[in-house]
């Protein structure tokens, strides 16, 4: 039974083609990938909390760019804070029907 479940889980197709694709807008990203990121993102070019002075209605981060290939997604975003904004790169992996963050780093 466990072998059958593993086979079914691995049969879930990757959401992107095998060739690299640039994603220019947040709206092009899968909602489940954004949820896995755990940070509310503003769309590219729109307002967000770019400093340590918080405006509750605005997200604390903003989408910059993304590249997807097969079951992998690399997402660049900027987040506010002291002496902000700061740029981050998150790498997400799609496996067994779920997105997870495999790496996140600040990119200066």
Protein backbone atom coordinates (compact mmCIF):
# COMPACT_ATOMS: atom_id res chain seq x y z
CA UNK A 1 0.00 0.00 0.00
CA UNK A 2 2.86 2.40 0.82
CA UNK A 3 4.49 1.72 -2.55
CA UNK A 4 1.21 2.49 -4.31
CA UNK A 5 0.89 5.82 -2.45
CA UNK A 6 4.46 6.76 -3.36
CA UNK A 7 3.79 5.94 -7.00
CA UNK A 8 0.61 8.01 -7.07
CA UNK A 9 2.34 10.94 -5.32
CA UNK A 10 5.20 11.00 -7.80
CA UNK A 11 2.77 10.93 -10.74
CA UNK A 12 1.68 14.52 -10.08
CA UNK A 13 3.04 16.55 -12.97
CA UNK A 14 5.32 19.53 -12.50
CA UNK A 15 3.44 22.79 -13.04
CA UNK A 16 5.94 24.37 -15.46
CA UNK A 17 7.58 23.26 -18.72
CA UNK A 18 11.10 21.78 -18.68
CA UNK A 19 12.51 24.87 -20.39
CA UNK A 20 13.18 27.95 -18.21
CA UNK A 21 10.39 30.53 -18.25
CA UNK A 22 10.52 34.09 -16.92
CA UNK A 23 7.46 35.19 -14.97
CA UNK A 24 7.04 38.95 -15.08
CA UNK A 25 4.17 39.37 -12.64
CA UNK A 26 3.04 37.96 -9.32
CA UNK A 27 -0.27 37.00 -10.92
CA UNK A 28 1.67 34.48 -13.07
CA UNK A 29 2.70 32.47 -9.99
CA UNK A 30 0.73 29.54 -8.56
CA UNK A 31 -1.24 30.59 -5.48
CA UNK A 32 0.05 27.58 -3.56
CA UNK A 33 3.66 28.67 -4.19
CA UNK A 34 2.88 32.14 -2.83
CA UNK A 35 1.21 30.58 0.22
CA UNK A 36 4.30 28.41 0.84
CA UNK A 37 6.47 31.54 0.76
CA UNK A 38 4.57 32.76 3.82
CA UNK A 39 4.97 36.45 2.97
CA UNK A 40 2.22 38.62 1.55
CA UNK A 41 3.57 40.15 -1.69
CA UNK A 42 2.45 43.25 -3.53
CA UNK A 43 2.41 43.07 -7.32
CA UNK A 44 5.45 44.40 -9.14
CA UNK A 45 5.52 48.19 -9.24
CA UNK A 46 2.80 48.70 -6.60
CA UNK A 47 3.03 50.12 -3.08
CA UNK A 48 4.31 48.06 -0.13
CA UNK A 49 5.81 48.70 3.32
CA UNK A 50 9.36 49.53 2.22
CA UNK A 51 10.61 50.89 5.56
CA UNK A 52 10.22 50.05 9.23
CA UNK A 53 7.22 52.42 9.44
CA UNK A 54 4.30 50.03 8.99
CA UNK A 55 1.16 50.83 7.03
CA UNK A 56 -1.17 47.91 7.99
CA UNK A 57 -3.06 47.93 4.69
CA UNK A 58 0.07 47.29 2.62
CA UNK A 59 2.03 44.05 2.20
CA UNK A 60 5.50 43.94 3.74
CA UNK A 61 7.11 42.74 0.50
CA UNK A 62 6.85 43.22 -3.27
CA UNK A 63 7.36 40.84 -6.19
CA UNK A 64 10.36 41.64 -8.41
CA UNK A 65 10.76 38.66 -10.77
CA UNK A 66 10.59 34.88 -11.03
CA UNK A 67 11.92 32.06 -13.15
CA UNK A 68 10.30 28.66 -13.33
CA UNK A 69 11.41 25.34 -14.75
CA UNK A 70 9.65 22.03 -14.22
CA UNK A 71 9.14 21.60 -10.47
CA UNK A 72 11.37 24.52 -9.47
CA UNK A 73 10.58 28.18 -8.96
CA UNK A 74 13.08 30.95 -8.15
CA UNK A 75 11.36 34.04 -6.81
CA UNK A 76 12.98 37.45 -6.22
CA UNK A 77 11.20 39.93 -3.98
CA UNK A 78 11.99 43.01 -1.94
CA UNK A 79 10.96 43.43 1.67
CA UNK A 80 10.85 46.52 3.83
CA UNK A 81 12.63 47.12 7.09
CA UNK A 82 15.26 49.28 8.75
CA UNK A 83 17.42 50.81 6.00
CA UNK A 84 15.15 48.92 3.60
CA UNK A 85 14.06 47.72 1.25
CA UNK A 86 16.14 44.54 1.04
CA UNK A 87 16.12 42.06 -1.82
CA UNK A 88 15.58 38.33 -1.24
CA UNK A 89 15.73 35.24 -3.40
CA UNK A 90 13.57 32.25 -2.53
CA UNK A 91 13.84 28.86 -4.19
CA UNK A 92 10.74 26.71 -4.08
CA UNK A 93 10.29 23.06 -4.99
CA UNK A 94 7.08 21.31 -6.08
CA UNK A 95 6.96 17.74 -4.81
CA UNK A 96 4.13 15.37 -4.05
CA UNK A 97 1.58 18.02 -5.01
CA UNK A 98 2.91 20.71 -2.64
CA UNK A 99 5.20 23.73 -2.87
CA UNK A 100 7.90 24.12 -0.21
CA UNK A 101 10.64 26.71 0.24
CA UNK A 102 13.96 24.93 -0.15
CA UNK A 103 16.19 28.01 0.26
CA UNK A 104 15.82 31.70 1.07
CA UNK A 105 18.65 34.22 1.10
CA UNK A 106 19.15 37.94 1.14
CA UNK A 107 20.68 39.18 -2.08
CA UNK A 108 22.30 42.57 -1.84
